[in-house]
Amino acid sequence: QVQLQESGPGLLKSSQTLSLTCTVSGVSITTDECSWSWVRQSPEKGLERIGYITHKSLTYYSPFFESRTSIFRDTSKNQIILRLSSVTPEDTAVYYCARSSNLKYGFGAWGQGTLVTVSS
């Protein structure tokens, strides 16, 4: 079975850089031919796709997030890392990592999510 677990700071100040870790178990992120995405959810904006990375380490970022987002892998720890710079209170949301074999069909596995609150 594939399991994903998000971790990172729950509280952040404006202008800081958010760093979240998605630890994957059950499959190798280097051999499993899937994409690993970061998504966030808030009551105001709903579900927003931030970006993803493939097993070949190719990346894509949604245009809204591209200028301040970086997604990369730590293959030795089977982890996917999200970094979001220059955060503001508008970035307050529950952040999820998710696995997909084909993004147009949605996500087949999710982490439990982690709440990130950004203070002004």
C-alpha atoms as a PDB file:
ATOM      1  CA  GLN A   1       0.000   0.000   0.000  1.00  0.00           C
ATOM      2  CA  VAL A   2       1.055   3.576  -0.674  1.00  0.00           C
ATOM      3  CA  GLN A   3       1.075   5.970   2.246  1.00  0.00           C
ATOM      4  CA  LEU A   4       1.919   9.663   2.320  1.00  0.00           C
ATOM      5  CA  GLN A   5       2.599  11.802   5.366  1.00  0.00           C
ATOM      6  CA  GLU A   6       3.046  15.575   5.357  1.00  0.00           C
ATOM      7  CA  SER A   7       5.177  17.308   7.952  1.00  0.00           C
ATOM      8  CA  GLY A   8       6.474  20.801   8.604  1.00  0.00           C
ATOM      9  CA  PRO A   9       5.819  23.944  10.604  1.00  0.00           C
ATOM     10  CA  GLY A  10       2.227  24.773  11.391  1.00  0.00           C
ATOM     11  CA  LEU A  11       2.868  28.448  12.122  1.00  0.00           C
ATOM     12  CA  LEU A  12       4.722  30.888   9.918  1.00  0.00           C
ATOM     13  CA  LYS A  13       5.226  34.637   9.644  1.00  0.00           C
ATOM     14  CA  SER A  14       4.690  36.740   6.557  1.00  0.00           C
ATOM     15  CA  SER A  15       7.680  36.896   4.177  1.00  0.00           C
ATOM     16  CA  GLN A  16       9.119  33.597   5.417  1.00  0.00           C
ATOM     17  CA  THR A  17       9.601  30.517   3.258  1.00  0.00           C
ATOM     18  CA  LEU A  18       7.360  27.532   3.875  1.00  0.00           C
ATOM     19  CA  SER A  19       9.038  24.135   3.700  1.00  0.00           C
ATOM     20  CA  LEU A  20       6.922  20.982   3.841  1.00  0.00           C
ATOM     21  CA  THR A  21       7.969  17.361   3.532  1.00  0.00           C
ATOM     22  CA  CYS A  22       5.933  14.487   2.109  1.00  0.00           C
ATOM     23  CA  THR A  23       7.298  11.137   3.259  1.00  0.00           C
ATOM     24  CA  VAL A  24       6.248   8.264   0.996  1.00  0.00           C
ATOM     25  CA  SER A  25       6.101   4.616   2.036  1.00  0.00           C
ATOM     26  CA  GLY A  26       5.091   1.519   0.104  1.00  0.00           C
ATOM     27  CA  VAL A  27       6.696   2.547  -3.206  1.00  0.00           C
ATOM     28  CA  SER A  28       9.935   4.090  -4.389  1.00  0.00           C
ATOM     29  CA  ILE A  29       9.555   7.600  -5.765  1.00  0.00           C
ATOM     30  CA  THR A  30      12.351   6.855  -8.251  1.00  0.00           C
ATOM     31  CA  THR A  31      10.772   3.753  -9.817  1.00  0.00           C
ATOM     32  CA  ASP A  32       7.025   4.234  -9.364  1.00  0.00           C
ATOM     33  CA  GLU A  33       5.885   5.815 -12.651  1.00  0.00           C
ATOM     34  CA  CYS A  34       3.630   8.415 -11.098  1.00  0.00           C
ATOM     35  CA  SER A  35       3.442  12.122 -10.379  1.00  0.00           C
ATOM     36  CA  TRP A  36       3.621  13.543  -6.884  1.00  0.00           C
ATOM     37  CA  SER A  37       1.638  16.722  -6.336  1.00  0.00           C
ATOM     38  CA  TRP A  38       1.250  19.401  -3.732  1.00  0.00           C
ATOM     39  CA  VAL A  39      -2.276  20.724  -3.301  1.00  0.00           C
ATOM     40  CA  ARG A  40      -3.838  23.067  -0.780  1.00  0.00           C
ATOM     41  CA  GLN A  41      -7.370  23.709   0.425  1.00  0.00           C
ATOM     42  CA  SER A  42      -9.012  26.683   2.100  1.00  0.00           C
ATOM     43  CA  PRO A  43     -12.656  27.679   2.632  1.00  0.00           C
ATOM     44  CA  GLU A  44     -12.250  30.782   0.467  1.00  0.00           C
ATOM     45  CA  LYS A  45     -10.440  29.318  -2.523  1.00  0.00           C
ATOM     46  CA  GLY A  46     -11.278  25.644  -2.361  1.00  0.00           C
ATOM     47  CA  LEU A  47      -8.785  23.173  -3.780  1.00  0.00           C
ATOM     48  CA  GLU A  48      -5.722  24.643  -5.518  1.00  0.00           C
ATOM     49  CA  ARG A  49      -3.098  22.652  -7.394  1.00  0.00           C
ATOM     50  CA  ILE A  50       0.354  23.997  -6.609  1.00  0.00           C
ATOM     51  CA  GLY A  51       2.564  21.758  -8.726  1.00  0.00           C
ATOM     52  CA  TYR A  52       4.006  18.289  -9.177  1.00  0.00           C
ATOM     53  CA  ILE A  53       7.139  16.276  -9.787  1.00  0.00           C
ATOM     54  CA  THR A  54       7.466  13.009 -11.722  1.00  0.00           C
ATOM     55  CA  HIS A  55       9.551   9.913 -11.045  1.00  0.00           C
ATOM     56  CA  LYS A  56      12.028  11.311 -13.586  1.00  0.00           C
ATOM     57  CA  SER A  57      12.247  14.498 -11.498  1.00  0.00           C
ATOM     58  CA  LEU A  58      10.464  16.635 -14.102  1.00  0.00           C
ATOM     59  CA  THR A  59       8.508  19.457 -12.480  1.00  0.00           C
ATOM     60  CA  TYR A  60       5.491  21.598 -13.267  1.00  0.00           C
ATOM     61  CA  TYR A  61       4.078  24.544 -11.345  1.00  0.00           C
ATOM     62  CA  SER A  62       0.673  26.133 -11.719  1.00  0.00           C
ATOM     63  CA  PRO A  63       1.086  29.642 -13.178  1.00  0.00           C
ATOM     64  CA  PHE A  64      -0.208  31.322 -10.034  1.00  0.00           C
ATOM     65  CA  PHE A  65       2.477  29.635  -7.916  1.00  0.00           C
ATOM     66  CA  GLU A  66       5.338  29.314 -10.396  1.00  0.00           C
ATOM     67  CA  SER A  67       7.298  32.386  -9.361  1.00  0.00           C
ATOM     68  CA  ARG A  68       7.671  31.383  -5.721  1.00  0.00           C
ATOM     69  CA  THR A  69       7.376  27.575  -5.668  1.00  0.00           C
ATOM     70  CA  SER A  70       9.957  24.810  -5.771  1.00  0.00           C
ATOM     71  CA  ILE A  71       9.260  21.067  -5.618  1.00  0.00           C
ATOM     72  CA  PHE A  72      12.088  18.564  -5.457  1.00  0.00           C
ATOM     73  CA  ARG A  73      12.883  15.050  -4.260  1.00  0.00           C
ATOM     74  CA  ASP A  74      15.097  13.582  -1.595  1.00  0.00           C
ATOM     75  CA  THR A  75      15.460  10.094  -3.032  1.00  0.00           C
ATOM     76  CA  SER A  76      17.567   8.816  -0.134  1.00  0.00           C
ATOM     77  CA  LYS A  77      14.630   9.442   2.211  1.00  0.00           C
ATOM     78  CA  ASN A  78      11.813   8.790  -0.294  1.00  0.00           C
ATOM     79  CA  GLN A  79      10.493  12.300   0.236  1.00  0.00           C
ATOM     80  CA  ILE A  80       8.982  15.085  -1.845  1.00  0.00           C
ATOM     81  CA  ILE A  81       9.718  18.604  -0.642  1.00  0.00           C
ATOM     82  CA  LEU A  82       7.657  21.750  -1.173  1.00  0.00           C
ATOM     83  CA  ARG A  83       9.083  25.224  -0.726  1.00  0.00           C
ATOM     84  CA  LEU A  84       6.852  28.275  -1.025  1.00  0.00           C
ATOM     85  CA  SER A  85       8.577  31.612  -0.581  1.00  0.00           C
ATOM     86  CA  SER A  86       7.306  35.023   0.532  1.00  0.00           C
ATOM     87  CA  VAL A  87       4.235  33.670   2.259  1.00  0.00           C
ATOM     88  CA  THR A  88       1.343  35.876   3.345  1.00  0.00           C
ATOM     89  CA  PRO A  89      -1.829  35.197   5.348  1.00  0.00           C
ATOM     90  CA  GLU A  90      -3.449  34.341   1.990  1.00  0.00           C
ATOM     91  CA  ASP A  91      -1.319  31.185   2.016  1.00  0.00           C
ATOM     92  CA  THR A  92      -3.061  29.896   5.137  1.00  0.00           C
ATOM     93  CA  ALA A  93      -4.515  26.538   4.138  1.00  0.00           C
ATOM     94  CA  VAL A  94      -4.376  22.797   4.629  1.00  0.00           C
ATOM     95  CA  TYR A  95      -1.557  21.445   2.478  1.00  0.00           C
ATOM     96  CA  TYR A  96      -1.665  17.949   0.993  1.00  0.00           C
ATOM     97  CA  CYS A  97       0.665  15.776  -1.013  1.00  0.00           C
ATOM     98  CA  ALA A  98      -0.966  13.346  -3.423  1.00  0.00           C
ATOM     99  CA  ARG A  99      -0.045  10.601  -5.891  1.00  0.00           C
ATOM    100  CA  SER A 100      -1.444  10.246  -9.397  1.00  0.00           C
ATOM    101  CA  SER A 101      -0.739   7.847 -12.266  1.00  0.00           C
ATOM    102  CA  ASN A 102      -2.390  10.333 -14.651  1.00  0.00           C
ATOM    103  CA  LEU A 103      -3.298  13.798 -13.435  1.00  0.00           C
ATOM    104  CA  LYS A 104      -6.318  14.165 -15.702  1.00  0.00           C
ATOM    105  CA  TYR A 105      -7.940  11.342 -13.739  1.00  0.00           C
ATOM    106  CA  GLY A 106      -7.260  12.898 -10.357  1.00  0.00           C
ATOM    107  CA  PHE A 107      -5.375  11.595  -7.361  1.00  0.00           C
ATOM    108  CA  GLY A 108      -5.353   8.026  -6.124  1.00  0.00           C
ATOM    109  CA  ALA A 109      -3.673   8.567  -2.776  1.00  0.00           C
ATOM    110  CA  TRP A 110      -3.526  11.491  -0.381  1.00  0.00           C
ATOM    111  CA  GLY A 111      -1.738  12.372   2.782  1.00  0.00           C
ATOM    112  CA  GLN A 112      -3.802  13.434   5.761  1.00  0.00           C
ATOM    113  CA  GLY A 113      -2.902  17.087   5.215  1.00  0.00           C
ATOM    114  CA  THR A 114      -1.221  19.603   7.458  1.00  0.00           C
ATOM    115  CA  LEU A 115      -2.603  23.002   8.450  1.00  0.00           C
ATOM    116  CA  VAL A 116      -0.305  25.953   7.816  1.00  0.00           C
ATOM    117  CA  THR A 117      -1.237  29.285   9.375  1.00  0.00           C
ATOM    118  CA  VAL A 118       0.578  32.446   8.276  1.00  0.00           C
ATOM    119  CA  SER A 119       0.425  35.469  10.555  1.00  0.00           C
ATOM    120  CA  SER A 120       0.719  39.054   9.380  1.00  0.00           C
END
